[in-house]
Amino acid sequence: KWYQPLRNKFGFVMFLGHGALLRRSCWEEVGGF
């Protein structure tokens, strides 16, 4: 509640490894994980 939402406005939103929806074309562009 306190450490994640504010990153939309004041920081870097991290992919936290689970519970996320990703764009495949981005995965292709960077060569995978």
Full PDB file with SEQRES, HELIX, SHEET, SSBOND, CRYST1, ORIGX, SCALE, CONECT and MASTER records, all heavy atoms in Angstrom:
SEQRES   1 A   33  LYS TRP TYR GLN PRO LEU ARG ASN LYS PHE GLY PHE VAL          
SEQRES   2 A   33  MET PHE LEU GLY HIS GLY ALA LEU LEU ARG ARG SER CYS          
SEQRES   3 A   33  TRP GLU GLU VAL GLY GLY PHE                                  
HELIX    1 AA1 ARG A    7  PHE A   10  1                                   4    
HELIX    2 AA2 ARG A   24  GLU A   29  1                                   6    
CRYST1    1.000    1.000    1.000  90.00  90.00  90.00 P 1           1          
ORIGX1      1.000000  0.000000  0.000000        0.00000                         
ORIGX2      0.000000  1.000000  0.000000        0.00000                         
ORIGX3      0.000000  0.000000  1.000000        0.00000                         
SCALE1      1.000000  0.000000  0.000000        0.00000                         
SCALE2      0.000000  1.000000  0.000000        0.00000                         
SCALE3      0.000000  0.000000  1.000000        0.00000                         
ATOM      1  N   LYS A   1       0.813  -1.214   0.000  1.00  0.00           N  
ATOM      2  CA  LYS A   1       0.000   0.000   0.000  1.00  0.00           C  
ATOM      3  C   LYS A   1       0.845   1.263   0.000  1.00  0.00           C  
ATOM      4  O   LYS A   1       0.516   2.246  -0.687  1.00  0.00           O  
ATOM      5  CB  LYS A   1      -0.927  -0.010   1.225  1.00  0.00           C  
ATOM      6  CG  LYS A   1      -1.796   1.236   1.369  1.00  0.00           C  
ATOM      7  CD  LYS A   1      -2.698   1.141   2.592  1.00  0.00           C  
ATOM      8  CE  LYS A   1      -3.532   2.400   2.764  1.00  0.00           C  
ATOM      9  NZ  LYS A   1      -4.421   2.312   3.946  1.00  0.00           N  
ATOM     10  N   TRP A   2       1.958   1.255   0.750  1.00  0.00           N  
ATOM     11  CA  TRP A   2       2.746   2.465   0.933  1.00  0.00           C  
ATOM     12  C   TRP A   2       3.939   2.580  -0.017  1.00  0.00           C  
ATOM     13  O   TRP A   2       4.340   3.706  -0.350  1.00  0.00           O  
ATOM     14  CB  TRP A   2       3.242   2.558   2.376  1.00  0.00           C  
ATOM     15  CG  TRP A   2       2.168   2.892   3.352  1.00  0.00           C  
ATOM     16  CD1 TRP A   2       1.299   2.023   3.957  1.00  0.00           C  
ATOM     17  CD2 TRP A   2       1.816   4.195   3.837  1.00  0.00           C  
ATOM     18  NE1 TRP A   2       0.441   2.692   4.791  1.00  0.00           N  
ATOM     19  CE2 TRP A   2       0.736   4.032   4.739  1.00  0.00           C  
ATOM     20  CE3 TRP A   2       2.315   5.466   3.606  1.00  0.00           C  
ATOM     21  CZ2 TRP A   2       0.155   5.112   5.390  1.00  0.00           C  
ATOM     22  CZ3 TRP A   2       1.739   6.545   4.272  1.00  0.00           C  
ATOM     23  CH2 TRP A   2       0.664   6.360   5.153  1.00  0.00           C  
ATOM     24  N   TYR A   3       4.509   1.478  -0.449  1.00  0.00           N  
ATOM     25  CA  TYR A   3       5.781   1.537  -1.172  1.00  0.00           C  
ATOM     26  C   TYR A   3       5.672   1.342  -2.683  1.00  0.00           C  
ATOM     27  O   TYR A   3       6.668   1.513  -3.383  1.00  0.00           O  
ATOM     28  CB  TYR A   3       6.760   0.512  -0.600  1.00  0.00           C  
ATOM     29  CG  TYR A   3       7.475   1.008   0.631  1.00  0.00           C  
ATOM     30  CD1 TYR A   3       6.834   1.056   1.861  1.00  0.00           C  
ATOM     31  CD2 TYR A   3       8.781   1.468   0.569  1.00  0.00           C  
ATOM     32  CE1 TYR A   3       7.468   1.520   2.998  1.00  0.00           C  
ATOM     33  CE2 TYR A   3       9.439   1.941   1.695  1.00  0.00           C  
ATOM     34  CZ  TYR A   3       8.770   1.963   2.904  1.00  0.00           C  
ATOM     35  OH  TYR A   3       9.418   2.440   4.023  1.00  0.00           O  
ATOM     36  N   GLN A   4       4.506   0.996  -3.218  1.00  0.00           N  
ATOM     37  CA  GLN A   4       4.418   0.731  -4.654  1.00  0.00           C  
ATOM     38  C   GLN A   4       3.623   1.761  -5.454  1.00  0.00           C  
ATOM     39  O   GLN A   4       4.115   2.246  -6.477  1.00  0.00           O  
ATOM     40  CB  GLN A   4       3.846  -0.676  -4.884  1.00  0.00           C  
ATOM     41  CG  GLN A   4       4.676  -1.804  -4.295  1.00  0.00           C  
ATOM     42  CD  GLN A   4       6.112  -1.821  -4.784  1.00  0.00           C  
ATOM     43  OE1 GLN A   4       6.414  -1.406  -5.901  1.00  0.00           O  
ATOM     44  NE2 GLN A   4       7.019  -2.296  -3.953  1.00  0.00           N  
ATOM     45  N   PRO A   5       2.397   2.134  -5.070  1.00  0.00           N  
ATOM     46  CA  PRO A   5       1.597   3.004  -5.950  1.00  0.00           C  
ATOM     47  C   PRO A   5       2.255   4.338  -6.288  1.00  0.00           C  
ATOM     48  O   PRO A   5       2.122   4.822  -7.423  1.00  0.00           O  
ATOM     49  CB  PRO A   5       0.305   3.209  -5.152  1.00  0.00           C  
ATOM     50  CG  PRO A   5       0.203   2.004  -4.271  1.00  0.00           C  
ATOM     51  CD  PRO A   5       1.614   1.681  -3.892  1.00  0.00           C  
ATOM     52  N   LEU A   6       2.949   4.961  -5.333  1.00  0.00           N  
ATOM     53  CA  LEU A   6       3.515   6.294  -5.591  1.00  0.00           C  
ATOM     54  C   LEU A   6       4.530   6.301  -6.711  1.00  0.00           C  
ATOM     55  O   LEU A   6       4.852   7.356  -7.279  1.00  0.00           O  
ATOM     56  CB  LEU A   6       4.148   6.849  -4.314  1.00  0.00           C  
ATOM     57  CG  LEU A   6       5.552   6.360  -3.936  1.00  0.00           C  
ATOM     58  CD1 LEU A   6       6.207   7.365  -2.989  1.00  0.00           C  
ATOM     59  CD2 LEU A   6       5.570   5.001  -3.338  1.00  0.00           C  
ATOM     60  N   ARG A   7       5.061   5.116  -7.084  1.00  0.00           N  
ATOM     61  CA  ARG A   7       6.066   5.069  -8.152  1.00  0.00           C  
ATOM     62  C   ARG A   7       5.479   5.464  -9.511  1.00  0.00           C  
ATOM     63  O   ARG A   7       6.224   5.830 -10.420  1.00  0.00           O  
ATOM     64  CB  ARG A   7       6.687   3.669  -8.226  1.00  0.00           C  
ATOM     65  CG  ARG A   7       7.588   3.349  -7.041  1.00  0.00           C  
ATOM     66  CD  ARG A   7       8.397   2.089  -7.295  1.00  0.00           C  
ATOM     67  NE  ARG A   7       9.568   2.053  -6.431  1.00  0.00           N  
ATOM     68  CZ  ARG A   7       9.726   1.220  -5.419  1.00  0.00           C  
ATOM     69  NH1 ARG A   7       8.779   0.348  -5.123  1.00  0.00           N  
ATOM     70  NH2 ARG A   7      10.824   1.244  -4.693  1.00  0.00           N  
ATOM     71  N   ASN A   8       4.163   5.384  -9.657  1.00  0.00           N  
ATOM     72  CA  ASN A   8       3.540   5.872 -10.893  1.00  0.00           C  
ATOM     73  C   ASN A   8       3.834   7.346 -11.132  1.00  0.00           C  
ATOM     74  O   ASN A   8       3.854   7.809 -12.278  1.00  0.00           O  
ATOM     75  CB  ASN A   8       2.025   5.673 -10.842  1.00  0.00           C  
ATOM     76  CG  ASN A   8       1.603   4.252 -11.157  1.00  0.00           C  
ATOM     77  OD1 ASN A   8       2.249   3.559 -11.939  1.00  0.00           O  
ATOM     78  ND2 ASN A   8       0.514   3.814 -10.551  1.00  0.00           N  
ATOM     79  N   LYS A   9       4.049   8.092 -10.052  1.00  0.00           N  
ATOM     80  CA  LYS A   9       4.216   9.544 -10.162  1.00  0.00           C  
ATOM     81  C   LYS A   9       5.609  10.017  -9.753  1.00  0.00           C  
ATOM     82  O   LYS A   9       6.085  11.042 -10.250  1.00  0.00           O  
ATOM     83  CB  LYS A   9       3.169  10.240  -9.278  1.00  0.00           C  
ATOM     84  CG  LYS A   9       3.021  11.726  -9.543  1.00  0.00           C  
ATOM     85  CD  LYS A   9       2.432  12.006 -10.910  1.00  0.00           C  
ATOM     86  CE  LYS A   9       2.180  13.486 -11.132  1.00  0.00           C  
ATOM     87  NZ  LYS A   9       1.649  13.750 -12.494  1.00  0.00           N  
ATOM     88  N   PHE A  10       6.277   9.262  -8.866  1.00  0.00           N  
ATOM     89  CA  PHE A  10       7.515   9.783  -8.283  1.00  0.00           C  
ATOM     90  C   PHE A  10       8.720   8.853  -8.417  1.00  0.00           C  
ATOM     91  O   PHE A  10       9.709   9.058  -7.717  1.00  0.00           O  
ATOM     92  CB  PHE A  10       7.285  10.097  -6.795  1.00  0.00           C  
ATOM     93  CG  PHE A  10       6.205  11.097  -6.537  1.00  0.00           C  
ATOM     94  CD1 PHE A  10       5.030  10.728  -5.903  1.00  0.00           C  
ATOM     95  CD2 PHE A  10       6.347  12.417  -6.935  1.00  0.00           C  
ATOM     96  CE1 PHE A  10       4.028  11.635  -5.652  1.00  0.00           C  
ATOM     97  CE2 PHE A  10       5.344  13.342  -6.692  1.00  0.00           C  
ATOM     98  CZ  PHE A  10       4.178  12.953  -6.053  1.00  0.00           C  
ATOM     99  N   GLY A  11       8.653   7.834  -9.269  1.00  0.00           N  
ATOM    100  CA  GLY A  11       9.807   6.939  -9.315  1.00  0.00           C  
ATOM    101  C   GLY A  11       9.773   5.980 -10.486  1.00  0.00           C  
ATOM    102  O   GLY A  11       9.298   6.317 -11.583  1.00  0.00           O  
ATOM    103  N   PHE A  12      10.267   4.778 -10.254  1.00  0.00           N  
ATOM    104  CA  PHE A  12      10.392   3.738 -11.274  1.00  0.00           C  
ATOM    105  C   PHE A  12       9.491   2.575 -10.909  1.00  0.00           C  
ATOM    106  O   PHE A  12       9.649   1.975  -9.844  1.00  0.00           O  
ATOM    107  CB  PHE A  12      11.857   3.259 -11.347  1.00  0.00           C  
ATOM    108  CG  PHE A  12      12.104   2.173 -12.347  1.00  0.00           C  
ATOM    109  CD1 PHE A  12      12.342   2.484 -13.678  1.00  0.00           C  
ATOM    110  CD2 PHE A  12      12.103   0.838 -11.961  1.00  0.00           C  
ATOM    111  CE1 PHE A  12      12.580   1.478 -14.609  1.00  0.00           C  
ATOM    112  CE2 PHE A  12      12.350  -0.172 -12.883  1.00  0.00           C  
ATOM    113  CZ  PHE A  12      12.574   0.152 -14.219  1.00  0.00           C  
ATOM    114  N   VAL A  13       8.535   2.254 -11.773  1.00  0.00           N  
ATOM    115  CA  VAL A  13       7.648   1.119 -11.529  1.00  0.00           C  
ATOM    116  C   VAL A  13       8.402  -0.160 -11.877  1.00  0.00           C  
ATOM    117  O   VAL A  13       8.852  -0.337 -13.006  1.00  0.00           O  
ATOM    118  CB  VAL A  13       6.355   1.222 -12.349  1.00  0.00           C  
ATOM    119  CG1 VAL A  13       5.505  -0.029 -12.167  1.00  0.00           C  
ATOM    120  CG2 VAL A  13       5.567   2.457 -11.927  1.00  0.00           C  
ATOM    121  N   MET A  14       8.532  -1.037 -10.909  1.00  0.00           N  
ATOM    122  CA  MET A  14       9.267  -2.273 -11.099  1.00  0.00           C  
ATOM    123  C   MET A  14       8.338  -3.416 -11.484  1.00  0.00           C  
ATOM    124  O   MET A  14       7.209  -3.491 -10.993  1.00  0.00           O  
ATOM    125  CB  MET A  14      10.012  -2.662  -9.812  1.00  0.00           C  
ATOM    126  CG  MET A  14      11.023  -1.651  -9.346  1.00  0.00           C  
ATOM    127  SD  MET A  14      11.898  -2.224  -7.870  1.00  0.00           S  
ATOM    128  CE  MET A  14      12.899  -0.777  -7.501  1.00  0.00           C  
ATOM    129  N   PHE A  15       8.829  -4.284 -12.357  1.00  0.00           N  
ATOM    130  CA  PHE A  15       8.186  -5.572 -12.569  1.00  0.00           C  
ATOM    131  C   PHE A  15       8.629  -6.454 -11.409  1.00  0.00           C  
ATOM    132  O   PHE A  15       9.823  -6.712 -11.234  1.00  0.00           O  
ATOM    133  CB  PHE A  15       8.602  -6.155 -13.918  1.00  0.00           C  
ATOM    134  CG  PHE A  15       8.212  -7.598 -14.117  1.00  0.00           C  
ATOM    135  CD1 PHE A  15       6.962  -8.070 -13.716  1.00  0.00           C  
ATOM    136  CD2 PHE A  15       9.088  -8.488 -14.712  1.00  0.00           C  
ATOM    137  CE1 PHE A  15       6.608  -9.398 -13.896  1.00  0.00           C  
ATOM    138  CE2 PHE A  15       8.752  -9.810 -14.900  1.00  0.00           C  
ATOM    139  CZ  PHE A  15       7.514 -10.275 -14.493  1.00  0.00           C  
ATOM    140  N   LEU A  16       7.692  -6.912 -10.608  1.00  0.00           N  
ATOM    141  CA  LEU A  16       8.011  -7.608  -9.366  1.00  0.00           C  
ATOM    142  C   LEU A  16       7.963  -9.131  -9.503  1.00  0.00           C  
ATOM    143  O   LEU A  16       7.896  -9.859  -8.518  1.00  0.00           O  
ATOM    144  CB  LEU A  16       7.082  -7.136  -8.259  1.00  0.00           C  
ATOM    145  CG  LEU A  16       7.230  -5.635  -7.958  1.00  0.00           C  
ATOM    146  CD1 LEU A  16       6.137  -5.146  -7.038  1.00  0.00           C  
ATOM    147  CD2 LEU A  16       8.596  -5.323  -7.385  1.00  0.00           C  
ATOM    148  N   GLY A  17       8.000  -9.608 -10.743  1.00  0.00           N  
ATOM    149  CA  GLY A  17       8.196 -11.028 -10.984  1.00  0.00           C  
ATOM    150  C   GLY A  17       6.946 -11.875 -11.003  1.00  0.00           C  
ATOM    151  O   GLY A  17       7.006 -13.048 -11.370  1.00  0.00           O  
ATOM    152  N   HIS A  18       5.814 -11.311 -10.632  1.00  0.00           N  
ATOM    153  CA  HIS A  18       4.571 -12.072 -10.611  1.00  0.00           C  
ATOM    154  C   HIS A  18       3.394 -11.110 -10.560  1.00  0.00           C  
ATOM    155  O   HIS A  18       3.542  -9.936 -10.207  1.00  0.00           O  
ATOM    156  CB  HIS A  18       4.526 -13.010  -9.402  1.00  0.00           C  
ATOM    157  CG  HIS A  18       4.547 -12.309  -8.077  1.00  0.00           C  
ATOM    158  ND1 HIS A  18       5.682 -11.729  -7.562  1.00  0.00           N  
ATOM    159  CD2 HIS A  18       3.570 -12.069  -7.167  1.00  0.00           C  
ATOM    160  CE1 HIS A  18       5.411 -11.187  -6.393  1.00  0.00           C  
ATOM    161  NE2 HIS A  18       4.137 -11.369  -6.122  1.00  0.00           N  
ATOM    162  N   GLY A  19       2.236 -11.610 -10.950  1.00  0.00           N  
ATOM    163  CA  GLY A  19       1.046 -10.769 -10.918  1.00  0.00           C  
ATOM    164  C   GLY A  19       1.132  -9.599 -11.869  1.00  0.00           C  
ATOM    165  O   GLY A  19       0.745  -8.485 -11.527  1.00  0.00           O  
ATOM    166  N   ALA A  20       1.645  -9.837 -13.101  1.00  0.00           N  
ATOM    167  CA  ALA A  20       1.819  -8.752 -14.058  1.00  0.00           C  
ATOM    168  C   ALA A  20       1.465  -9.230 -15.460  1.00  0.00           C  
ATOM    169  O   ALA A  20       1.575 -10.415 -15.775  1.00  0.00           O  
ATOM    170  CB  ALA A  20       3.250  -8.228 -14.026  1.00  0.00           C  
ATOM    171  N   LEU A  21       1.046  -8.296 -16.304  1.00  0.00           N  
ATOM    172  CA  LEU A  21       0.757  -8.567 -17.710  1.00  0.00           C  
ATOM    173  C   LEU A  21       1.802  -7.841 -18.552  1.00  0.00           C  
ATOM    174  O   LEU A  21       2.011  -6.633 -18.386  1.00  0.00           O  
ATOM    175  CB  LEU A  21      -0.650  -8.083 -18.069  1.00  0.00           C  
ATOM    176  CG  LEU A  21      -1.130  -8.402 -19.486  1.00  0.00           C  
ATOM    177  CD1 LEU A  21      -1.280  -9.914 -19.680  1.00  0.00           C  
ATOM    178  CD2 LEU A  21      -2.459  -7.698 -19.775  1.00  0.00           C  
ATOM    179  N   LEU A  22       2.447  -8.572 -19.474  1.00  0.00           N  
ATOM    180  CA  LEU A  22       3.564  -8.037 -20.231  1.00  0.00           C  
ATOM    181  C   LEU A  22       3.286  -8.080 -21.730  1.00  0.00           C  
ATOM    182  O   LEU A  22       2.568  -8.954 -22.220  1.00  0.00           O  
ATOM    183  CB  LEU A  22       4.848  -8.818 -19.936  1.00  0.00           C  
ATOM    184  CG  LEU A  22       5.399  -8.732 -18.510  1.00  0.00           C  
ATOM    185  CD1 LEU A  22       4.687  -9.693 -17.572  1.00  0.00           C  
ATOM    186  CD2 LEU A  22       6.895  -9.013 -18.486  1.00  0.00           C  
ATOM    187  N   ARG A  23       3.916  -7.163 -22.445  1.00  0.00           N  
ATOM    188  CA  ARG A  23       3.799  -7.077 -23.896  1.00  0.00           C  
ATOM    189  C   ARG A  23       4.894  -7.931 -24.534  1.00  0.00           C  
ATOM    190  O   ARG A  23       6.082  -7.700 -24.310  1.00  0.00           O  
ATOM    191  CB  ARG A  23       3.932  -5.615 -24.330  1.00  0.00           C  
ATOM    192  CG  ARG A  23       3.583  -5.357 -25.796  1.00  0.00           C  
ATOM    193  CD  ARG A  23       3.917  -3.905 -26.154  1.00  0.00           C  
ATOM    194  NE  ARG A  23       3.193  -2.937 -25.360  1.00  0.00           N  
ATOM    195  CZ  ARG A  23       1.976  -2.487 -25.651  1.00  0.00           C  
ATOM    196  NH1 ARG A  23       1.347  -2.948 -26.718  1.00  0.00           N  
ATOM    197  NH2 ARG A  23       1.392  -1.582 -24.880  1.00  0.00           N  
ATOM    198  N   ARG A  24       4.498  -8.906 -25.333  1.00  0.00           N  
ATOM    199  CA  ARG A  24       5.471  -9.825 -25.919  1.00  0.00           C  
ATOM    200  C   ARG A  24       6.492  -9.120 -26.817  1.00  0.00           C  
ATOM    201  O   ARG A  24       7.672  -9.463 -26.832  1.00  0.00           O  
ATOM    202  CB  ARG A  24       4.751 -10.909 -26.715  1.00  0.00           C  
ATOM    203  CG  ARG A  24       5.722 -11.913 -27.344  1.00  0.00           C  
ATOM    204  CD  ARG A  24       5.063 -12.872 -28.304  1.00  0.00           C  
ATOM    205  NE  ARG A  24       6.080 -13.656 -28.974  1.00  0.00           N  
ATOM    206  CZ  ARG A  24       6.561 -14.818 -28.524  1.00  0.00           C  
ATOM    207  NH1 ARG A  24       6.096 -15.332 -27.405  1.00  0.00           N  
ATOM    208  NH2 ARG A  24       7.505 -15.464 -29.189  1.00  0.00           N  
ATOM    209  N   SER A  25       6.054  -8.112 -27.579  1.00  0.00           N  
ATOM    210  CA  SER A  25       6.974  -7.432 -28.490  1.00  0.00           C  
ATOM    211  C   SER A  25       8.138  -6.790 -27.740  1.00  0.00           C  
ATOM    212  O   SER A  25       9.248  -6.697 -28.261  1.00  0.00           O  
ATOM    213  CB  SER A  25       6.225  -6.388 -29.320  1.00  0.00           C  
ATOM    214  OG  SER A  25       5.604  -5.429 -28.473  1.00  0.00           O  
ATOM    215  N   CYS A  26       7.894  -6.336 -26.502  1.00  0.00           N  
ATOM    216  CA  CYS A  26       8.989  -5.786 -25.681  1.00  0.00           C  
ATOM    217  C   CYS A  26       9.974  -6.888 -25.321  1.00  0.00           C  
ATOM    218  O   CYS A  26      11.195  -6.686 -25.373  1.00  0.00           O  
ATOM    219  CB  CYS A  26       8.427  -5.153 -24.412  1.00  0.00           C  
ATOM    220  SG  CYS A  26       7.471  -3.666 -24.685  1.00  0.00           S  
ATOM    221  N   TRP A  27       9.429  -8.051 -24.948  1.00  0.00           N  
ATOM    222  CA  TRP A  27      10.290  -9.194 -24.618  1.00  0.00           C  
ATOM    223  C   TRP A  27      11.165  -9.554 -25.812  1.00  0.00           C  
ATOM    224  O   TRP A  27      12.353  -9.847 -25.664  1.00  0.00           O  
ATOM    225  CB  TRP A  27       9.415 -10.369 -24.192  1.00  0.00           C  
ATOM    226  CG  TRP A  27      10.167 -11.641 -23.958  1.00  0.00           C  
ATOM    227  CD1 TRP A  27      10.783 -12.032 -22.800  1.00  0.00           C  
ATOM    228  CD2 TRP A  27      10.385 -12.702 -24.900  1.00  0.00           C  
ATOM    229  NE1 TRP A  27      11.378 -13.263 -22.963  1.00  0.00           N  
ATOM    230  CE2 TRP A  27      11.145 -13.688 -24.237  1.00  0.00           C  
ATOM    231  CE3 TRP A  27      10.009 -12.899 -26.229  1.00  0.00           C  
ATOM    232  CZ2 TRP A  27      11.542 -14.869 -24.878  1.00  0.00           C  
ATOM    233  CZ3 TRP A  27      10.410 -14.063 -26.858  1.00  0.00           C  
ATOM    234  CH2 TRP A  27      11.157 -15.032 -26.193  1.00  0.00           C  
ATOM    235  N   GLU A  28      10.594  -9.528 -27.002  1.00  0.00           N  
ATOM    236  CA  GLU A  28      11.360  -9.832 -28.207  1.00  0.00           C  
ATOM    237  C   GLU A  28      12.425  -8.770 -28.464  1.00  0.00           C  
ATOM    238  O   GLU A  28      13.569  -9.084 -28.846  1.00  0.00           O  
ATOM    239  CB  GLU A  28      10.417  -9.931 -29.403  1.00  0.00           C  
ATOM    240  CG  GLU A  28       9.465 -11.110 -29.337  1.00  0.00           C  
ATOM    241  CD  GLU A  28       8.394 -11.057 -30.417  1.00  0.00           C  
ATOM    242  OE1 GLU A  28       8.289 -10.003 -31.094  1.00  0.00           O  
ATOM    243  OE2 GLU A  28       7.671 -12.054 -30.585  1.00  0.00           O  
ATOM    244  N   GLU A  29      12.072  -7.518 -28.245  1.00  0.00           N  
ATOM    245  CA  GLU A  29      12.985  -6.417 -28.556  1.00  0.00           C  
ATOM    246  C   GLU A  29      14.243  -6.437 -27.692  1.00  0.00           C  
ATOM    247  O   GLU A  29      15.323  -6.069 -28.153  1.00  0.00           O  
ATOM    248  CB  GLU A  29      12.246  -5.082 -28.402  1.00  0.00           C  
ATOM    249  CG  GLU A  29      13.001  -3.897 -28.966  1.00  0.00           C  
ATOM    250  CD  GLU A  29      12.127  -2.663 -29.073  1.00  0.00           C  
ATOM    251  OE1 GLU A  29      10.901  -2.805 -29.221  1.00  0.00           O  
ATOM    252  OE2 GLU A  29      12.688  -1.545 -29.011  1.00  0.00           O  
ATOM    253  N   VAL A  30      14.121  -6.885 -26.440  1.00  0.00           N  
ATOM    254  CA  VAL A  30      15.292  -6.917 -25.549  1.00  0.00           C  
ATOM    255  C   VAL A  30      15.957  -8.290 -25.522  1.00  0.00           C  
ATOM    256  O   VAL A  30      16.910  -8.500 -24.765  1.00  0.00           O  
ATOM    257  CB  VAL A  30      14.909  -6.490 -24.112  1.00  0.00           C  
ATOM    258  CG1 VAL A  30      14.377  -5.071 -24.112  1.00  0.00           C  
ATOM    259  CG2 VAL A  30      13.901  -7.454 -23.483  1.00  0.00           C  
ATOM    260  N   GLY A  31      15.451  -9.230 -26.307  1.00  0.00           N  
ATOM    261  CA  GLY A  31      16.086 -10.537 -26.386  1.00  0.00           C  
ATOM    262  C   GLY A  31      15.738 -11.479 -25.265  1.00  0.00           C  
ATOM    263  O   GLY A  31      16.500 -12.417 -24.983  1.00  0.00           O  
ATOM    264  N   GLY A  32      14.613 -11.269 -24.609  1.00  0.00           N  
ATOM    265  CA  GLY A  32      14.182 -12.170 -23.546  1.00  0.00           C  
ATOM    266  C   GLY A  32      14.617 -11.714 -22.173  1.00  0.00           C  
ATOM    267  O   GLY A  32      15.222 -10.648 -21.990  1.00  0.00           O  
ATOM    268  N   PHE A  33      14.289 -12.526 -21.177  1.00  0.00           N  
ATOM    269  CA  PHE A  33      14.664 -12.240 -19.791  1.00  0.00           C  
ATOM    270  C   PHE A  33      16.137 -12.574 -19.568  1.00  0.00           C  
ATOM    271  O   PHE A  33      16.627 -13.621 -20.030  1.00  0.00           O  
ATOM    272  CB  PHE A  33      13.812 -13.060 -18.814  1.00  0.00           C  
ATOM    273  CG  PHE A  33      12.362 -12.683 -18.788  1.00  0.00           C  
ATOM    274  CD1 PHE A  33      11.413 -13.480 -19.430  1.00  0.00           C  
ATOM    275  CD2 PHE A  33      11.934 -11.543 -18.136  1.00  0.00           C  
ATOM    276  CE1 PHE A  33      10.068 -13.144 -19.419  1.00  0.00           C  
ATOM    277  CE2 PHE A  33      10.588 -11.194 -18.116  1.00  0.00           C  
ATOM    278  CZ  PHE A  33       9.657 -12.001 -18.764  1.00  0.00           C  
TER     279      PHE A  33                                                      
MASTER        0    0    0    2    0    0    0    6  278    1    0    3          
END                                                                             
